[in-house]
């Protein structure tokens, strides 16, 4: 059985120590502001997380760019040259076209290297929802599962990963085209906080509106409790966009509602790609739970 590499992208938001521990890789997307065009590094190599979110607070518009087919081909071929097969677990295709860009690269390389195996999987998730799926794949590989078995498991269980999120300001979602200008102004005046989930297509959908920051965090924790299910690969992540105090508050609320106190709750920062859309002050919790069945009416 050939060795295989597990690869994701800048939307998985897994920090370096975690990627190294579990032996996973990522291909960077890009972020662009002014005349600056740099890789969207999960290690914040050219701009720190604090600088990034402070720029957003100061009104700098940060654009993001997908991974091109040529970049996928170059990255995949590097692993093939090492004698490895590949599982690429992508950010939700409802949020990024990177998954679609990976498919022509896969097809071209399989023609060139017919002995190789390349699986490209649309995770229908982002941020640490995607991260949980990537780490699950690493668990299965460590258990000795074949690349086919890992790919099949991820496809079968990926929609059991749940997201519950809220944002500090609707203005960033407005800039990204996620809400109307009227909704953003109205929400800001009344301190209305949306409760955002990921639907069956992997699209972020505001399903509730809660007045006030504290109430929104309580609602996230309550939804976590309603949804949480035991899972052999269970990991709980509380994530934040430059608001560690809010993350600690949300973590405590989640801990109070967690039925199995032996399951660890991790805190992590939101990376540059997701952060450019949701903005500073965003908080979310991710975990395995009930299968996501909600589909947004378009």
C-alpha atoms as a PDB file:
ATOM      1  CA  UNK A   1       0.000   0.000   0.000  1.00  0.00           C
ATOM      2  CA  UNK A   2       1.421   3.360  -1.042  1.00  0.00           C
ATOM      3  CA  UNK A   3       1.733   6.131   1.492  1.00  0.00           C
ATOM      4  CA  UNK A   4      -0.631   9.042   1.015  1.00  0.00           C
ATOM      5  CA  UNK A   5      -0.610  12.682   2.001  1.00  0.00           C
ATOM      6  CA  UNK A   6      -3.589  14.590   3.425  1.00  0.00           C
ATOM      7  CA  UNK A   7      -3.777  18.101   2.033  1.00  0.00           C
ATOM      8  CA  UNK A   8      -6.160  20.982   2.676  1.00  0.00           C
ATOM      9  CA  UNK A   9      -6.114  24.724   1.968  1.00  0.00           C
ATOM     10  CA  UNK A  10      -5.948  28.040   3.832  1.00  0.00           C
ATOM     11  CA  UNK A  11      -9.556  27.664   4.980  1.00  0.00           C
ATOM     12  CA  UNK A  12      -8.783  24.767   7.361  1.00  0.00           C
ATOM     13  CA  UNK A  13      -7.300  27.159   9.969  1.00  0.00           C
ATOM     14  CA  UNK A  14      -5.095  24.473  11.542  1.00  0.00           C
ATOM     15  CA  UNK A  15      -2.071  26.006  13.227  1.00  0.00           C
ATOM     16  CA  UNK A  16       1.426  24.758  12.502  1.00  0.00           C
ATOM     17  CA  UNK A  17       1.878  22.669  15.649  1.00  0.00           C
ATOM     18  CA  UNK A  18      -1.348  20.767  14.914  1.00  0.00           C
ATOM     19  CA  UNK A  19      -0.474  20.219  11.250  1.00  0.00           C
ATOM     20  CA  UNK A  20       2.929  18.882  12.256  1.00  0.00           C
ATOM     21  CA  UNK A  21       1.516  16.625  14.978  1.00  0.00           C
ATOM     22  CA  UNK A  22      -0.971  14.986  12.615  1.00  0.00           C
ATOM     23  CA  UNK A  23       1.149  15.124   9.466  1.00  0.00           C
ATOM     24  CA  UNK A  24      -1.170  17.198   7.297  1.00  0.00           C
ATOM     25  CA  UNK A  25      -0.313  19.772   4.650  1.00  0.00           C
ATOM     26  CA  UNK A  26      -2.080  22.744   3.122  1.00  0.00           C
ATOM     27  CA  UNK A  27      -1.895  24.725  -0.105  1.00  0.00           C
ATOM     28  CA  UNK A  28      -2.176  28.476   0.489  1.00  0.00           C
ATOM     29  CA  UNK A  29      -4.768  30.679  -1.124  1.00  0.00           C
ATOM     30  CA  UNK A  30      -3.914  34.381  -1.492  1.00  0.00           C
ATOM     31  CA  UNK A  31      -4.929  37.625   0.178  1.00  0.00           C
ATOM     32  CA  UNK A  32      -4.773  41.007  -1.518  1.00  0.00           C
ATOM     33  CA  UNK A  33      -5.021  44.530  -0.114  1.00  0.00           C
ATOM     34  CA  UNK A  34      -3.776  47.700  -1.774  1.00  0.00           C
ATOM     35  CA  UNK A  35      -0.640  46.788  -3.731  1.00  0.00           C
ATOM     36  CA  UNK A  36       0.053  43.784  -1.497  1.00  0.00           C
ATOM     37  CA  UNK A  37      -0.567  40.263  -2.806  1.00  0.00           C
ATOM     38  CA  UNK A  38       0.700  37.550  -0.445  1.00  0.00           C
ATOM     39  CA  UNK A  39      -0.010  33.904   0.430  1.00  0.00           C
ATOM     40  CA  UNK A  40      -2.841  33.447   2.941  1.00  0.00           C
ATOM     41  CA  UNK A  41      -0.531  31.852   5.473  1.00  0.00           C
ATOM     42  CA  UNK A  42      -2.001  30.008   8.439  1.00  0.00           C
ATOM     43  CA  UNK A  43       1.237  30.829  10.246  1.00  0.00           C
ATOM     44  CA  UNK A  44       0.859  34.594   9.663  1.00  0.00           C
ATOM     45  CA  UNK A  45       4.372  34.834   8.232  1.00  0.00           C
ATOM     46  CA  UNK A  46       4.142  38.222   6.480  1.00  0.00           C
ATOM     47  CA  UNK A  47       1.435  39.913   8.523  1.00  0.00           C
ATOM     48  CA  UNK A  48       0.401  39.032  12.059  1.00  0.00           C
ATOM     49  CA  UNK A  49      -3.132  38.092  13.024  1.00  0.00           C
ATOM     50  CA  UNK A  50      -3.383  41.267  15.116  1.00  0.00           C
ATOM     51  CA  UNK A  51      -2.195  43.455  12.232  1.00  0.00           C
ATOM     52  CA  UNK A  52      -4.607  41.733   9.864  1.00  0.00           C
ATOM     53  CA  UNK A  53      -7.683  42.310  11.993  1.00  0.00           C
ATOM     54  CA  UNK A  54      -6.604  45.841  12.943  1.00  0.00           C
ATOM     55  CA  UNK A  55      -6.384  46.648   9.229  1.00  0.00           C
ATOM     56  CA  UNK A  56      -9.961  45.472   8.844  1.00  0.00           C
ATOM     57  CA  UNK A  57     -11.038  47.586  11.809  1.00  0.00           C
ATOM     58  CA  UNK A  58      -9.370  50.562  10.114  1.00  0.00           C
ATOM     59  CA  UNK A  59     -11.434  50.012   6.976  1.00  0.00           C
ATOM     60  CA  UNK A  60      -8.927  48.186   4.762  1.00  0.00           C
ATOM     61  CA  UNK A  61     -10.769  45.880   2.356  1.00  0.00           C
ATOM     62  CA  UNK A  62      -8.995  42.526   2.103  1.00  0.00           C
ATOM     63  CA  UNK A  63      -9.716  40.428  -0.961  1.00  0.00           C
ATOM     64  CA  UNK A  64      -8.988  36.725  -1.305  1.00  0.00           C
ATOM     65  CA  UNK A  65      -8.010  34.570  -4.276  1.00  0.00           C
ATOM     66  CA  UNK A  66      -8.504  30.854  -4.866  1.00  0.00           C
ATOM     67  CA  UNK A  67      -5.870  28.248  -5.662  1.00  0.00           C
ATOM     68  CA  UNK A  68      -5.516  27.987  -9.431  1.00  0.00           C
ATOM     69  CA  UNK A  69      -5.496  24.731 -11.364  1.00  0.00           C
ATOM     70  CA  UNK A  70      -1.818  25.241 -12.200  1.00  0.00           C
ATOM     71  CA  UNK A  71      -0.981  25.733  -8.518  1.00  0.00           C
ATOM     72  CA  UNK A  72      -2.840  22.533  -7.684  1.00  0.00           C
ATOM     73  CA  UNK A  73      -1.029  20.652 -10.409  1.00  0.00           C
ATOM     74  CA  UNK A  74       2.362  21.855  -9.161  1.00  0.00           C
ATOM     75  CA  UNK A  75       1.557  20.995  -5.535  1.00  0.00           C
ATOM     76  CA  UNK A  76       0.052  17.581  -6.324  1.00  0.00           C
ATOM     77  CA  UNK A  77       2.905  16.623  -8.647  1.00  0.00           C
ATOM     78  CA  UNK A  78       5.397  17.334  -5.857  1.00  0.00           C
ATOM     79  CA  UNK A  79       3.775  14.639  -3.727  1.00  0.00           C
ATOM     80  CA  UNK A  80       3.450  12.208  -6.628  1.00  0.00           C
ATOM     81  CA  UNK A  81       7.181  12.633  -7.283  1.00  0.00           C
ATOM     82  CA  UNK A  82       7.747  11.445  -3.705  1.00  0.00           C
ATOM     83  CA  UNK A  83       5.776   8.274  -4.462  1.00  0.00           C
ATOM     84  CA  UNK A  84       2.718   9.383  -2.482  1.00  0.00           C
ATOM     85  CA  UNK A  85      -0.984   9.360  -3.265  1.00  0.00           C
ATOM     86  CA  UNK A  86      -3.148  12.334  -2.304  1.00  0.00           C
ATOM     87  CA  UNK A  87      -6.362  13.212  -0.514  1.00  0.00           C
ATOM     88  CA  UNK A  88      -7.211  16.887  -0.916  1.00  0.00           C
ATOM     89  CA  UNK A  89      -9.975  18.008   1.451  1.00  0.00           C
ATOM     90  CA  UNK A  90     -11.242  21.356   0.214  1.00  0.00           C
ATOM     91  CA  UNK A  91     -13.086  24.311   1.632  1.00  0.00           C
ATOM     92  CA  UNK A  92     -16.791  24.164   0.857  1.00  0.00           C
ATOM     93  CA  UNK A  93     -17.441  24.687  -2.857  1.00  0.00           C
ATOM     94  CA  UNK A  94     -20.292  27.008  -1.826  1.00  0.00           C
ATOM     95  CA  UNK A  95     -17.709  29.407  -0.374  1.00  0.00           C
ATOM     96  CA  UNK A  96     -14.678  28.938  -2.646  1.00  0.00           C
ATOM     97  CA  UNK A  97     -14.020  27.719  -6.181  1.00  0.00           C
ATOM     98  CA  UNK A  98     -10.759  26.069  -5.136  1.00  0.00           C
ATOM     99  CA  UNK A  99     -12.380  22.618  -5.065  1.00  0.00           C
ATOM    100  CA  UNK A 100     -13.520  23.048  -8.667  1.00  0.00           C
ATOM    101  CA  UNK A 101     -10.039  24.261  -9.643  1.00  0.00           C
ATOM    102  CA  UNK A 102      -8.494  21.105  -8.182  1.00  0.00           C
ATOM    103  CA  UNK A 103     -10.445  18.736 -10.440  1.00  0.00           C
ATOM    104  CA  UNK A 104      -8.746  19.517 -13.798  1.00  0.00           C
ATOM    105  CA  UNK A 105      -5.350  19.246 -12.052  1.00  0.00           C
ATOM    106  CA  UNK A 106      -6.333  15.853 -10.652  1.00  0.00           C
ATOM    107  CA  UNK A 107      -7.572  14.608 -14.007  1.00  0.00           C
ATOM    108  CA  UNK A 108      -4.482  15.772 -15.896  1.00  0.00           C
ATOM    109  CA  UNK A 109      -2.097  14.186 -13.398  1.00  0.00           C
ATOM    110  CA  UNK A 110      -3.963  10.864 -13.323  1.00  0.00           C
ATOM    111  CA  UNK A 111      -3.523  10.640 -17.079  1.00  0.00           C
ATOM    112  CA  UNK A 112       0.169  11.435 -16.706  1.00  0.00           C
ATOM    113  CA  UNK A 113       0.670   9.153 -13.679  1.00  0.00           C
ATOM    114  CA  UNK A 114      -1.943   6.359 -14.010  1.00  0.00           C
ATOM    115  CA  UNK A 115      -0.476   4.430 -11.077  1.00  0.00           C
ATOM    116  CA  UNK A 116      -1.277   7.319  -8.713  1.00  0.00           C
ATOM    117  CA  UNK A 117      -4.430   7.970  -6.708  1.00  0.00           C
ATOM    118  CA  UNK A 118      -5.791  11.470  -6.103  1.00  0.00           C
ATOM    119  CA  UNK A 119      -9.039  12.075  -4.223  1.00  0.00           C
ATOM    120  CA  UNK A 120     -10.504  15.590  -4.130  1.00  0.00           C
ATOM    121  CA  UNK A 121     -13.258  16.000  -1.544  1.00  0.00           C
ATOM    122  CA  UNK A 122     -15.640  18.935  -1.115  1.00  0.00           C
ATOM    123  CA  UNK A 123     -15.831  19.137   2.675  1.00  0.00           C
ATOM    124  CA  UNK A 124     -19.006  21.300   2.699  1.00  0.00           C
ATOM    125  CA  UNK A 125     -17.256  23.032   5.614  1.00  0.00           C
ATOM    126  CA  UNK A 126     -14.769  25.782   6.359  1.00  0.00           C
ATOM    127  CA  UNK A 127     -12.624  27.067   9.225  1.00  0.00           C
ATOM    128  CA  UNK A 128     -12.229  24.479  12.004  1.00  0.00           C
ATOM    129  CA  UNK A 129     -15.197  22.534  10.625  1.00  0.00           C
ATOM    130  CA  UNK A 130     -12.910  21.735   7.717  1.00  0.00           C
ATOM    131  CA  UNK A 131     -10.067  21.339  10.212  1.00  0.00           C
ATOM    132  CA  UNK A 132     -11.973  18.658  12.147  1.00  0.00           C
ATOM    133  CA  UNK A 133     -12.522  16.698   8.935  1.00  0.00           C
ATOM    134  CA  UNK A 134      -8.840  16.941   8.011  1.00  0.00           C
ATOM    135  CA  UNK A 135      -7.810  15.689  11.462  1.00  0.00           C
ATOM    136  CA  UNK A 136     -10.308  12.837  11.197  1.00  0.00           C
ATOM    137  CA  UNK A 137      -8.635  11.775   7.952  1.00  0.00           C
ATOM    138  CA  UNK A 138      -5.291  11.857   9.763  1.00  0.00           C
ATOM    139  CA  UNK A 139      -6.707   9.687  12.573  1.00  0.00           C
ATOM    140  CA  UNK A 140      -7.900   7.102  10.069  1.00  0.00           C
ATOM    141  CA  UNK A 141      -4.574   7.071   8.239  1.00  0.00           C
ATOM    142  CA  UNK A 142      -2.800   6.499  11.567  1.00  0.00           C
ATOM    143  CA  UNK A 143      -5.132   3.548  12.186  1.00  0.00           C
ATOM    144  CA  UNK A 144      -3.859   1.957   8.965  1.00  0.00           C
ATOM    145  CA  UNK A 145      -6.879   2.679   6.773  1.00  0.00           C
ATOM    146  CA  UNK A 146      -6.312   2.732   3.022  1.00  0.00           C
ATOM    147  CA  UNK A 147      -6.716   5.906   1.015  1.00  0.00           C
ATOM    148  CA  UNK A 148      -9.988   4.522  -0.374  1.00  0.00           C
ATOM    149  CA  UNK A 149     -11.296   3.803   3.129  1.00  0.00           C
ATOM    150  CA  UNK A 150     -10.365   7.267   4.363  1.00  0.00           C
ATOM    151  CA  UNK A 151     -11.977   9.008   1.387  1.00  0.00           C
ATOM    152  CA  UNK A 152     -15.169   6.948   1.777  1.00  0.00           C
ATOM    153  CA  UNK A 153     -15.416   7.679   5.515  1.00  0.00           C
ATOM    154  CA  UNK A 154     -14.979  11.421   4.998  1.00  0.00           C
ATOM    155  CA  UNK A 155     -17.614  11.512   2.264  1.00  0.00           C
ATOM    156  CA  UNK A 156     -20.047   9.590   4.482  1.00  0.00           C
ATOM    157  CA  UNK A 157     -19.565  11.597   7.668  1.00  0.00           C
ATOM    158  CA  UNK A 158     -18.550  15.119   6.592  1.00  0.00           C
ATOM    159  CA  UNK A 159     -22.029  16.555   7.118  1.00  0.00           C
ATOM    160  CA  UNK A 160     -22.028  15.492  10.748  1.00  0.00           C
ATOM    161  CA  UNK A 161     -19.658  18.411  11.433  1.00  0.00           C
ATOM    162  CA  UNK A 162     -21.658  21.362  12.724  1.00  0.00           C
ATOM    163  CA  UNK A 163     -20.956  25.083  12.866  1.00  0.00           C
ATOM    164  CA  UNK A 164     -22.566  27.668  15.141  1.00  0.00           C
ATOM    165  CA  UNK A 165     -21.197  31.180  14.672  1.00  0.00           C
ATOM    166  CA  UNK A 166     -21.935  34.825  15.293  1.00  0.00           C
ATOM    167  CA  UNK A 167     -20.261  38.053  14.189  1.00  0.00           C
ATOM    168  CA  UNK A 168     -19.432  41.257  16.023  1.00  0.00           C
ATOM    169  CA  UNK A 169     -20.415  43.463  13.079  1.00  0.00           C
ATOM    170  CA  UNK A 170     -22.566  42.764  10.042  1.00  0.00           C
ATOM    171  CA  UNK A 171     -20.552  45.298   8.018  1.00  0.00           C
ATOM    172  CA  UNK A 172     -17.888  42.784   7.003  1.00  0.00           C
ATOM    173  CA  UNK A 173     -20.485  40.311   5.767  1.00  0.00           C
ATOM    174  CA  UNK A 174     -22.117  43.201   3.916  1.00  0.00           C
ATOM    175  CA  UNK A 175     -18.832  44.027   2.150  1.00  0.00           C
ATOM    176  CA  UNK A 176     -18.479  40.365   1.191  1.00  0.00           C
ATOM    177  CA  UNK A 177     -22.004  40.383  -0.239  1.00  0.00           C
ATOM    178  CA  UNK A 178     -23.455  38.129   2.472  1.00  0.00           C
ATOM    179  CA  UNK A 179     -26.078  40.610   3.794  1.00  0.00           C
ATOM    180  CA  UNK A 180     -27.729  43.753   2.448  1.00  0.00           C
ATOM    181  CA  UNK A 181     -26.678  47.275   3.418  1.00  0.00           C
ATOM    182  CA  UNK A 182     -30.071  47.807   5.039  1.00  0.00           C
ATOM    183  CA  UNK A 183     -29.701  44.661   7.158  1.00  0.00           C
ATOM    184  CA  UNK A 184     -26.207  45.683   8.251  1.00  0.00           C
ATOM    185  CA  UNK A 185     -27.280  49.167   9.344  1.00  0.00           C
ATOM    186  CA  UNK A 186     -30.436  47.902  11.031  1.00  0.00           C
ATOM    187  CA  UNK A 187     -28.548  45.151  12.814  1.00  0.00           C
ATOM    188  CA  UNK A 188     -25.856  47.552  13.987  1.00  0.00           C
ATOM    189  CA  UNK A 189     -28.378  49.985  15.435  1.00  0.00           C
ATOM    190  CA  UNK A 190     -30.241  47.323  17.376  1.00  0.00           C
ATOM    191  CA  UNK A 191     -27.156  45.260  18.277  1.00  0.00           C
ATOM    192  CA  UNK A 192     -28.712  42.293  16.501  1.00  0.00           C
ATOM    193  CA  UNK A 193     -26.343  39.324  16.186  1.00  0.00           C
ATOM    194  CA  UNK A 194     -26.990  36.655  13.555  1.00  0.00           C
ATOM    195  CA  UNK A 195     -26.665  32.969  14.401  1.00  0.00           C
ATOM    196  CA  UNK A 196     -24.917  31.413  11.402  1.00  0.00           C
ATOM    197  CA  UNK A 197     -24.795  27.731  10.513  1.00  0.00           C
ATOM    198  CA  UNK A 198     -23.435  25.813   7.540  1.00  0.00           C
ATOM    199  CA  UNK A 199     -26.200  24.154   5.490  1.00  0.00           C
ATOM    200  CA  UNK A 200     -26.134  20.927   3.472  1.00  0.00           C
ATOM    201  CA  UNK A 201     -24.448  22.702   0.556  1.00  0.00           C
ATOM    202  CA  UNK A 202     -21.763  24.150   2.832  1.00  0.00           C
ATOM    203  CA  UNK A 203     -23.179  27.658   2.530  1.00  0.00           C
ATOM    204  CA  UNK A 204     -23.185  29.936   5.577  1.00  0.00           C
ATOM    205  CA  UNK A 205     -26.760  30.819   6.486  1.00  0.00           C
ATOM    206  CA  UNK A 206     -28.075  33.171   9.182  1.00  0.00           C
ATOM    207  CA  UNK A 207     -30.919  31.149  10.715  1.00  0.00           C
ATOM    208  CA  UNK A 208     -31.676  33.296  13.768  1.00  0.00           C
ATOM    209  CA  UNK A 209     -31.186  36.824  15.068  1.00  0.00           C
ATOM    210  CA  UNK A 210     -30.390  37.442  18.726  1.00  0.00           C
ATOM    211  CA  UNK A 211     -30.171  40.823  20.446  1.00  0.00           C
ATOM    212  CA  UNK A 212     -26.890  41.424  22.242  1.00  0.00           C
ATOM    213  CA  UNK A 213     -23.484  39.763  22.339  1.00  0.00           C
ATOM    214  CA  UNK A 214     -24.009  37.808  25.555  1.00  0.00           C
ATOM    215  CA  UNK A 215     -27.312  36.382  24.357  1.00  0.00           C
ATOM    216  CA  UNK A 216     -25.730  35.321  21.074  1.00  0.00           C
ATOM    217  CA  UNK A 217     -23.013  33.339  22.874  1.00  0.00           C
ATOM    218  CA  UNK A 218     -25.567  31.618  25.090  1.00  0.00           C
ATOM    219  CA  UNK A 219     -27.528  30.688  21.980  1.00  0.00           C
ATOM    220  CA  UNK A 220     -24.420  29.221  20.308  1.00  0.00           C
ATOM    221  CA  UNK A 221     -23.767  27.095  23.383  1.00  0.00           C
ATOM    222  CA  UNK A 222     -27.395  25.957  23.539  1.00  0.00           C
ATOM    223  CA  UNK A 223     -27.339  24.931  19.858  1.00  0.00           C
ATOM    224  CA  UNK A 224     -24.099  23.050  20.533  1.00  0.00           C
ATOM    225  CA  UNK A 225     -25.823  21.121  23.338  1.00  0.00           C
ATOM    226  CA  UNK A 226     -28.825  20.272  21.138  1.00  0.00           C
ATOM    227  CA  UNK A 227     -26.623  19.026  18.317  1.00  0.00           C
ATOM    228  CA  UNK A 228     -23.664  17.353  20.059  1.00  0.00           C
ATOM    229  CA  UNK A 229     -23.244  13.615  19.560  1.00  0.00           C
ATOM    230  CA  UNK A 230     -20.536  11.202  20.687  1.00  0.00           C
ATOM    231  CA  UNK A 231     -18.092  10.354  17.920  1.00  0.00           C
ATOM    232  CA  UNK A 232     -14.793   8.427  17.943  1.00  0.00           C
ATOM    233  CA  UNK A 233     -13.175  11.410  16.206  1.00  0.00           C
ATOM    234  CA  UNK A 234     -14.915  14.082  18.265  1.00  0.00           C
ATOM    235  CA  UNK A 235     -13.093  17.370  18.632  1.00  0.00           C
ATOM    236  CA  UNK A 236     -14.618  20.602  19.829  1.00  0.00           C
ATOM    237  CA  UNK A 237     -13.156  23.886  18.636  1.00  0.00           C
ATOM    238  CA  UNK A 238     -14.099  27.341  19.864  1.00  0.00           C
ATOM    239  CA  UNK A 239     -12.651  29.840  17.412  1.00  0.00           C
ATOM    240  CA  UNK A 240     -12.302  33.597  17.326  1.00  0.00           C
ATOM    241  CA  UNK A 241     -11.242  36.474  15.103  1.00  0.00           C
ATOM    242  CA  UNK A 242      -8.960  38.468  17.409  1.00  0.00           C
ATOM    243  CA  UNK A 243     -11.297  38.304  20.414  1.00  0.00           C
ATOM    244  CA  UNK A 244      -9.710  35.810  22.844  1.00  0.00           C
ATOM    245  CA  UNK A 245     -11.783  37.029  25.795  1.00  0.00           C
ATOM    246  CA  UNK A 246     -14.983  36.288  23.902  1.00  0.00           C
ATOM    247  CA  UNK A 247     -13.619  32.864  23.017  1.00  0.00           C
ATOM    248  CA  UNK A 248     -12.959  32.086  26.678  1.00  0.00           C
ATOM    249  CA  UNK A 249     -16.484  33.180  27.576  1.00  0.00           C
ATOM    250  CA  UNK A 250     -17.968  30.974  24.846  1.00  0.00           C
ATOM    251  CA  UNK A 251     -15.723  28.067  25.859  1.00  0.00           C
ATOM    252  CA  UNK A 252     -17.039  28.216  29.443  1.00  0.00           C
ATOM    253  CA  UNK A 253     -20.627  28.172  28.192  1.00  0.00           C
ATOM    254  CA  UNK A 254     -19.855  25.155  26.002  1.00  0.00           C
ATOM    255  CA  UNK A 255     -18.063  23.361  28.866  1.00  0.00           C
ATOM    256  CA  UNK A 256     -21.138  23.786  31.080  1.00  0.00           C
ATOM    257  CA  UNK A 257     -23.265  22.042  28.439  1.00  0.00           C
ATOM    258  CA  UNK A 258     -20.819  19.333  27.379  1.00  0.00           C
ATOM    259  CA  UNK A 259     -22.195  15.908  28.450  1.00  0.00           C
ATOM    260  CA  UNK A 260     -18.816  14.144  28.283  1.00  0.00           C
ATOM    261  CA  UNK A 261     -16.333  16.177  30.310  1.00  0.00           C
ATOM    262  CA  UNK A 262     -13.450  14.018  29.066  1.00  0.00           C
ATOM    263  CA  UNK A 263     -13.715  15.508  25.557  1.00  0.00           C
ATOM    264  CA  UNK A 264     -11.264  18.413  25.242  1.00  0.00           C
ATOM    265  CA  UNK A 265     -12.333  21.816  23.981  1.00  0.00           C
ATOM    266  CA  UNK A 266      -9.697  23.631  21.939  1.00  0.00           C
ATOM    267  CA  UNK A 267      -9.532  27.344  21.201  1.00  0.00           C
ATOM    268  CA  UNK A 268      -8.049  28.613  17.954  1.00  0.00           C
ATOM    269  CA  UNK A 269      -7.828  31.739  15.848  1.00  0.00           C
ATOM    270  CA  UNK A 270      -9.694  32.253  12.590  1.00  0.00           C
ATOM    271  CA  UNK A 271      -7.286  32.426   9.658  1.00  0.00           C
ATOM    272  CA  UNK A 272      -6.988  35.056   6.921  1.00  0.00           C
ATOM    273  CA  UNK A 273      -9.377  33.657   4.316  1.00  0.00           C
ATOM    274  CA  UNK A 274     -12.375  33.148   6.589  1.00  0.00           C
ATOM    275  CA  UNK A 275     -11.416  36.211   8.610  1.00  0.00           C
ATOM    276  CA  UNK A 276     -11.496  38.457   5.541  1.00  0.00           C
ATOM    277  CA  UNK A 277     -15.190  37.616   5.132  1.00  0.00           C
ATOM    278  CA  UNK A 278     -16.479  37.518   8.699  1.00  0.00           C
ATOM    279  CA  UNK A 279     -14.317  40.246  10.251  1.00  0.00           C
ATOM    280  CA  UNK A 280     -12.856  40.786  13.729  1.00  0.00           C
ATOM    281  CA  UNK A 281     -14.953  39.792  16.703  1.00  0.00           C
ATOM    282  CA  UNK A 282     -16.414  36.682  15.113  1.00  0.00           C
ATOM    283  CA  UNK A 283     -16.890  33.660  17.374  1.00  0.00           C
ATOM    284  CA  UNK A 284     -17.873  30.093  16.514  1.00  0.00           C
ATOM    285  CA  UNK A 285     -18.002  26.557  17.839  1.00  0.00           C
ATOM    286  CA  UNK A 286     -17.445  23.414  15.737  1.00  0.00           C
ATOM    287  CA  UNK A 287     -18.065  19.777  16.640  1.00  0.00           C
ATOM    288  CA  UNK A 288     -19.398  16.449  15.428  1.00  0.00           C
ATOM    289  CA  UNK A 289     -23.136  16.225  16.010  1.00  0.00           C
ATOM    290  CA  UNK A 290     -26.414  15.536  14.270  1.00  0.00           C
ATOM    291  CA  UNK A 291     -26.146  15.272  10.502  1.00  0.00           C
ATOM    292  CA  UNK A 292     -26.778  18.660   8.907  1.00  0.00           C
ATOM    293  CA  UNK A 293     -30.069  18.469   7.008  1.00  0.00           C
ATOM    294  CA  UNK A 294     -30.992  22.156   6.709  1.00  0.00           C
ATOM    295  CA  UNK A 295     -30.922  23.435   3.146  1.00  0.00           C
ATOM    296  CA  UNK A 296     -31.204  27.134   2.515  1.00  0.00           C
ATOM    297  CA  UNK A 297     -34.043  28.121   0.195  1.00  0.00           C
ATOM    298  CA  UNK A 298     -32.453  30.086  -2.628  1.00  0.00           C
END
